[in-house]
Amino acid sequence: MGTKTMTVTFPESTVRSKSQTVTILNLKSVESVSVNTGNVTYSVNGNNITINVSNGTYTRYTTSTYTDSKALSDVRKEVVTGHYWKWTFQSLPGHPNGGWYDVWPSLPSSVSHTTADGYSGTLTLRVIGGYNPATRAPMPTYNGTTEGEKVYDAGATQYGYYDGTVYKNITTTTYYYAYTVTIMYIDNTAPTVTLTTADNQVLSEGNAFSIQGSVQDTDSGNVVTVKYKINSGTARAVVSGVSDGSSPLSFARTLTCANKRLWDGATDISGADLAEGVDHTLTVWAEDDQGGKSAEITRKFRVIHNRPPAISGQDGDIGSINTPPSLTYTVTDPEGSTFTVTEKLNDTVIRTFTGQPGVENTMTIPHDLWLPLEPGVPQTLKIEATDSAGIKSVRTYMFTRAEDKIVFDGLDFDNLPPDLLDKFTTDVPARRILLTPDWTIPPGAVVLVEACNNAFDAQPTWEDVTFHARNNRGYLFLNQQKTADKWGVNFRFTIEKGTATDPIIVKGIGGAFD
C-alpha cells in the first residue's frame, strides 16, 4: 500500500479539548493517528476523519491582578464584660439603698477584620447590644465605713455589631493550548507484480536474461511503472502504462550477459563485474503515480565468466622430424560462442577459418613453408582459437627439422592457385622434362629426384630423373598412360645425409617440360 501523511494543526486557544474534521478524497483506510501532546481519538465516516484532542500540555500562559472587594454586615460581634453592684442600704450619696449600679468598659468604634478567604479591612461599630446579666450572688460583708453594709456583685456582658468593606488582591492565570496531529492513511491501492523470470539461472557469455511478467493496479487511471535493479545498483524502468483498474499490464526486457556484466543493448546495467560463484539478485517492483509501491520480488542468478575455446590435446614437443607433421585436433567453446581458428608456423599464418565445434581438423606444414626451415633449429607450431568476444586459447607444439634428410613430396595440386596449377596441366602427356636444381650436394649424400607426366592420377607413375637433374640434362618420359581426366607434370626429391659431413643446401629448383 502507498501510505501517506497528513498533518492537522489545532491553532492555539484557551480551550483544552478540541475537535476538527478533515476530508481525504478516495480514503481507503487510516493506519494511525498521533498527537504531539495529550490524547487523541478519531472516527471515520466515508472520506471524513473527525479528530478529538484533549489533556495537552499548555503552550504558554498569561497572568493579571486586580483588587476585589465585598461588603460585610453584622459579621463581627465584640463582647465586653462589666459588673453590677447592689447595696443593701443607702450608704453613699446618689446610691439609693437596694439599687443596681454598673461599671462597663467602652466598645471600640472600629476594628480590623480578615475573612477566612483572605479579604481584609476596617469595620465600624454599628450597634450596641443589651446587657446579659449573670446570676447575682451575695458577696461577703463589706467592711466599709458603714457598719452592716451588704454589697452584691454580678458579672454581665455587652456586645456590639460591626460592618464595612473588606478587600483582596486577586491574580488570575490564563493557559493556552495547541495541538499537531499526524494522520497516516491510505488513499490508493498499491500495484501487484507477477514475475515469470526463472529463479537460480546460470548465465554465461552471450546468454540472455529475460525480465518478464505482468502488473495490475485496481485504481483506474493510475500511471504504473515497473522497475528493476541488479544487486544494489541503479533502479531502471521496464515499462510504464495507465491502469484501467482491471487488465494486467505485461512487461518484458531482455538483458545480455557479456564481459562479466549484464547489458541492455549498449547500456551497462550491472555497473560492475559480476563475481563468479556467488548469488546475484534481480529485484522487480512496481510504483504508481499516487505513491503506491508493490512488494519487491527477487530472483537469484549466477554468472560464469567467458572462457576461452578449448583445444584438444596438450602442448608438447614433437621432437626431431624430417617430414612435415600432421596434427589432428578439435575445438569447442564452453559457452557455445562462435570461434575462429588460426594455424601458425612460428609467426607465419598457415590458414585461418571459422571453427566448427567438435569437428576434427588437421594441421600440417605446406612444402613452401617446410623447405625453408633451417635444420637443427627449434620451430613452433601454434593453433589459436578465438571466440566472438576476443578470448583466445593457444595450443603450442615444438619441433626441430631433422638434418639427415630433405624431402620435397611434390607440388600440392589441391592447394595451388588456379593460375599456377594451369602451368602444370597439359593436354597430352609431357614428353620431356628438364630440372635444374640450385643446391649444394656434398660427397656422401644420397639424392633421389623423380618426375611424372600423369600427376593427376591417384597413383602417378614416378620416373627416376636423378642423373639428369644432377647434370642439368633433359629426361624423356617413358609413361604414356593416365587414369585421371587430364595430364599434368609434377616432381619430387629426397636428399639423405648419408655419409656426408658438409651441409646440404637447397635454394630452389627450376626447369621446363614439353
Foldseek 3Di string as FASTA:
>chain_A
DQKDKDKDKFDKDLDFKDKDKDFDPLFDWWPDKDKPFADWDWDDDHRMIMIIGHDGDFPDKDKDKDKDKDKDWQPDKDKWKKKKKAKQADDDPPHHHGDIDIDTDDDDQKDWDADPVGWIDIWGWDDKADKAWDDKDWDPDDPDPDPPMTMIMTMIMIMTGIIDMTMDMDMDMGTMDMMMMMIIGDSADAKEWDWPFDAAAEAEAFDKGKTWTWIAGQDFQWKKWKWKAKAPDDIDTFDIDGHRRDDIGITMAIWTDHPQFTHRVPRTRNPDRFDAPDWIKMWMWMGIPVRHIYDIDIGIYGYDYFDAKDKDDAAEEPEEEAAKDKDKIFIQGPNRFWKKKWKDKANHTPDIDTHDHPDIDIDTDAPVRVVVADAPDKIKIKIWIAGPNGDIDIHIYIYGYHQFKHKDPKHDLVPDDPVVNVQFWDAAFWFKKWKAWDKDDAPQKDKWKWKFFQVPAPDTDIDTCPVCRVVRHMDTDPDRDYDDPTTGMMMIMMIGCGPPDDGITTDGMDIDID
